[in-house]
Amino acid sequence: MAWIYLFLAGLSEVGWPVGLKLAQQSAARTTGIIMAVGFMAVSGFFLWLAQREIPIGTSYAVWTGIGAAGTFFVGVHFYGDCVNAGRYLGVALIIAGIATLKLSHSQ
């Protein structure tokens, strides 16, 4: 169950940078900030649950990796962020690192 919590924490981690991006628009500033703070709280709660069974170093690395890769994909698909082979390679390496941490976890 801890890995499910960690996955949910990572997915929730994507929500707060999106909220901050939304807050850049003056018409949606308050909504974006509320969204960012809400996702920070949810993400932190799931990370806390996951860390009851998964070591802090592993859980933090996986959490930030899922958040970084997820935010990258949101940026590309919804905000028109730059796309090139090097950027995709970087995200692939992050995902490979997450998979390696999961596969080498000894619990």
C-alpha atoms as a PDB file:
ATOM      1  CA  MET A   1       0.000   0.000   0.000  1.00  0.00           C
ATOM      2  CA  ALA A   2       2.920   2.350   0.689  1.00  0.00           C
ATOM      3  CA  TRP A   3       3.910   2.376  -2.995  1.00  0.00           C
ATOM      4  CA  ILE A   4       0.353   3.302  -3.964  1.00  0.00           C
ATOM      5  CA  TYR A   5       0.498   6.187  -1.484  1.00  0.00           C
ATOM      6  CA  LEU A   6       3.820   7.230  -2.954  1.00  0.00           C
ATOM      7  CA  PHE A   7       2.450   7.116  -6.502  1.00  0.00           C
ATOM      8  CA  LEU A   8      -0.540   9.235  -5.431  1.00  0.00           C
ATOM      9  CA  ALA A   9       1.831  11.659  -3.699  1.00  0.00           C
ATOM     10  CA  GLY A  10       3.825  11.994  -6.917  1.00  0.00           C
ATOM     11  CA  LEU A  11       0.724  12.571  -9.017  1.00  0.00           C
ATOM     12  CA  SER A  12      -0.502  15.167  -6.531  1.00  0.00           C
ATOM     13  CA  GLU A  13       2.906  16.816  -6.730  1.00  0.00           C
ATOM     14  CA  VAL A  14       2.076  17.755 -10.333  1.00  0.00           C
ATOM     15  CA  GLY A  15      -0.916  19.805  -9.184  1.00  0.00           C
ATOM     16  CA  TRP A  16       0.892  22.534  -7.341  1.00  0.00           C
ATOM     17  CA  PRO A  17       3.168  23.770 -10.161  1.00  0.00           C
ATOM     18  CA  VAL A  18       0.101  23.742 -12.413  1.00  0.00           C
ATOM     19  CA  GLY A  19      -1.718  25.832  -9.798  1.00  0.00           C
ATOM     20  CA  LEU A  20       1.190  28.274  -9.689  1.00  0.00           C
ATOM     21  CA  LYS A  21       1.157  28.488 -13.494  1.00  0.00           C
ATOM     22  CA  LEU A  22      -2.573  29.191 -13.384  1.00  0.00           C
ATOM     23  CA  ALA A  23      -1.964  31.890 -10.757  1.00  0.00           C
ATOM     24  CA  GLN A  24       0.166  33.799 -13.290  1.00  0.00           C
ATOM     25  CA  GLN A  25      -3.090  34.920 -14.899  1.00  0.00           C
ATOM     26  CA  SER A  26      -4.574  37.780 -12.895  1.00  0.00           C
ATOM     27  CA  ALA A  27      -8.138  36.506 -13.396  1.00  0.00           C
ATOM     28  CA  ALA A  28      -7.235  33.122 -11.868  1.00  0.00           C
ATOM     29  CA  ARG A  29      -4.656  34.195  -9.284  1.00  0.00           C
ATOM     30  CA  THR A  30      -6.640  33.234  -6.177  1.00  0.00           C
ATOM     31  CA  THR A  31      -7.889  29.976  -7.684  1.00  0.00           C
ATOM     32  CA  GLY A  32      -4.377  29.022  -8.761  1.00  0.00           C
ATOM     33  CA  ILE A  33      -2.874  29.727  -5.353  1.00  0.00           C
ATOM     34  CA  ILE A  34      -5.627  27.779  -3.580  1.00  0.00           C
ATOM     35  CA  MET A  35      -5.095  24.908  -6.027  1.00  0.00           C
ATOM     36  CA  ALA A  36      -1.324  24.952  -5.440  1.00  0.00           C
ATOM     37  CA  VAL A  37      -1.641  24.952  -1.653  1.00  0.00           C
ATOM     38  CA  GLY A  38      -4.289  22.222  -1.750  1.00  0.00           C
ATOM     39  CA  PHE A  39      -2.174  19.941  -3.914  1.00  0.00           C
ATOM     40  CA  MET A  40       0.874  20.602  -1.723  1.00  0.00           C
ATOM     41  CA  ALA A  41      -1.107  19.453   1.304  1.00  0.00           C
ATOM     42  CA  VAL A  42      -2.493  16.347  -0.398  1.00  0.00           C
ATOM     43  CA  SER A  43       0.901  15.438  -1.836  1.00  0.00           C
ATOM     44  CA  GLY A  44       2.616  15.899   1.521  1.00  0.00           C
ATOM     45  CA  PHE A  45      -0.006  13.783   3.276  1.00  0.00           C
ATOM     46  CA  PHE A  46       0.427  10.872   0.856  1.00  0.00           C
ATOM     47  CA  LEU A  47       4.216  11.179   1.122  1.00  0.00           C
ATOM     48  CA  TRP A  48       3.891  11.033   4.905  1.00  0.00           C
ATOM     49  CA  LEU A  49       1.807   7.857   4.612  1.00  0.00           C
ATOM     50  CA  ALA A  50       4.313   6.277   2.216  1.00  0.00           C
ATOM     51  CA  GLN A  51       7.290   7.075   4.439  1.00  0.00           C
ATOM     52  CA  ARG A  52       5.895   4.891   7.184  1.00  0.00           C
ATOM     53  CA  GLU A  53       7.200   1.913   5.164  1.00  0.00           C
ATOM     54  CA  ILE A  54       9.504   3.301   2.466  1.00  0.00           C
ATOM     55  CA  PRO A  55      12.853   4.859   3.450  1.00  0.00           C
ATOM     56  CA  ILE A  56      13.012   8.651   3.248  1.00  0.00           C
ATOM     57  CA  GLY A  57      15.672   8.779   0.517  1.00  0.00           C
ATOM     58  CA  THR A  58      13.816   6.402  -1.751  1.00  0.00           C
ATOM     59  CA  SER A  59      10.411   7.941  -1.152  1.00  0.00           C
ATOM     60  CA  TYR A  60      11.642  11.498  -1.683  1.00  0.00           C
ATOM     61  CA  ALA A  61      13.489  10.637  -4.892  1.00  0.00           C
ATOM     62  CA  VAL A  62      10.498   8.770  -6.327  1.00  0.00           C
ATOM     63  CA  TRP A  63       8.089  11.512  -5.221  1.00  0.00           C
ATOM     64  CA  THR A  64      10.057  14.304  -6.845  1.00  0.00           C
ATOM     65  CA  GLY A  65      10.746  12.186  -9.936  1.00  0.00           C
ATOM     66  CA  ILE A  66       7.070  11.477 -10.541  1.00  0.00           C
ATOM     67  CA  GLY A  67       6.297  15.134  -9.925  1.00  0.00           C
ATOM     68  CA  ALA A  68       9.022  16.333 -12.294  1.00  0.00           C
ATOM     69  CA  ALA A  69       8.159  13.918 -15.102  1.00  0.00           C
ATOM     70  CA  GLY A  70       4.433  14.525 -14.692  1.00  0.00           C
ATOM     71  CA  THR A  71       4.858  18.291 -14.712  1.00  0.00           C
ATOM     72  CA  PHE A  72       7.017  18.000 -17.825  1.00  0.00           C
ATOM     73  CA  PHE A  73       4.252  16.115 -19.657  1.00  0.00           C
ATOM     74  CA  VAL A  74       1.574  18.567 -18.492  1.00  0.00           C
ATOM     75  CA  GLY A  75       3.740  21.447 -19.681  1.00  0.00           C
ATOM     76  CA  VAL A  76       4.252  19.876 -23.090  1.00  0.00           C
ATOM     77  CA  HIS A  77       0.652  18.814 -23.663  1.00  0.00           C
ATOM     78  CA  PHE A  78      -1.255  21.726 -22.112  1.00  0.00           C
ATOM     79  CA  TYR A  79       1.106  24.703 -22.067  1.00  0.00           C
ATOM     80  CA  GLY A  80       3.101  24.289 -25.267  1.00  0.00           C
ATOM     81  CA  ASP A  81       6.471  23.809 -23.563  1.00  0.00           C
ATOM     82  CA  CYS A  82       9.469  23.137 -25.783  1.00  0.00           C
ATOM     83  CA  VAL A  83       9.841  19.564 -27.032  1.00  0.00           C
ATOM     84  CA  ASN A  84      13.022  17.986 -28.339  1.00  0.00           C
ATOM     85  CA  ALA A  85      14.904  14.721 -28.081  1.00  0.00           C
ATOM     86  CA  GLY A  86      17.151  15.934 -25.264  1.00  0.00           C
ATOM     87  CA  ARG A  87      14.206  16.900 -23.067  1.00  0.00           C
ATOM     88  CA  TYR A  88      12.516  13.547 -23.663  1.00  0.00           C
ATOM     89  CA  LEU A  89      15.789  11.770 -22.909  1.00  0.00           C
ATOM     90  CA  GLY A  90      16.063  13.658 -19.625  1.00  0.00           C
ATOM     91  CA  VAL A  91      12.561  12.633 -18.578  1.00  0.00           C
ATOM     92  CA  ALA A  92      13.231   9.050 -19.669  1.00  0.00           C
ATOM     93  CA  LEU A  93      16.276   9.018 -17.392  1.00  0.00           C
ATOM     94  CA  ILE A  94      14.177  10.305 -14.495  1.00  0.00           C
ATOM     95  CA  ILE A  95      11.616   7.540 -15.117  1.00  0.00           C
ATOM     96  CA  ALA A  96      14.405   4.954 -15.370  1.00  0.00           C
ATOM     97  CA  GLY A  97      15.735   6.177 -12.032  1.00  0.00           C
ATOM     98  CA  ILE A  98      12.310   5.835 -10.434  1.00  0.00           C
ATOM     99  CA  ALA A  99      11.949   2.296 -11.806  1.00  0.00           C
ATOM    100  CA  THR A 100      15.425   1.382 -10.550  1.00  0.00           C
ATOM    101  CA  LEU A 101      14.623   2.665  -7.060  1.00  0.00           C
ATOM    102  CA  LYS A 102      11.393   0.672  -7.009  1.00  0.00           C
ATOM    103  CA  LEU A 103      12.979  -2.523  -8.319  1.00  0.00           C
ATOM    104  CA  SER A 104      15.922  -2.316  -5.918  1.00  0.00           C
ATOM    105  CA  HIS A 105      13.798  -1.602  -2.844  1.00  0.00           C
ATOM    106  CA  SER A 106      14.418  -4.444  -0.404  1.00  0.00           C
ATOM    107  CA  GLN A 107      11.190  -4.589   1.579  1.00  0.00           C
END
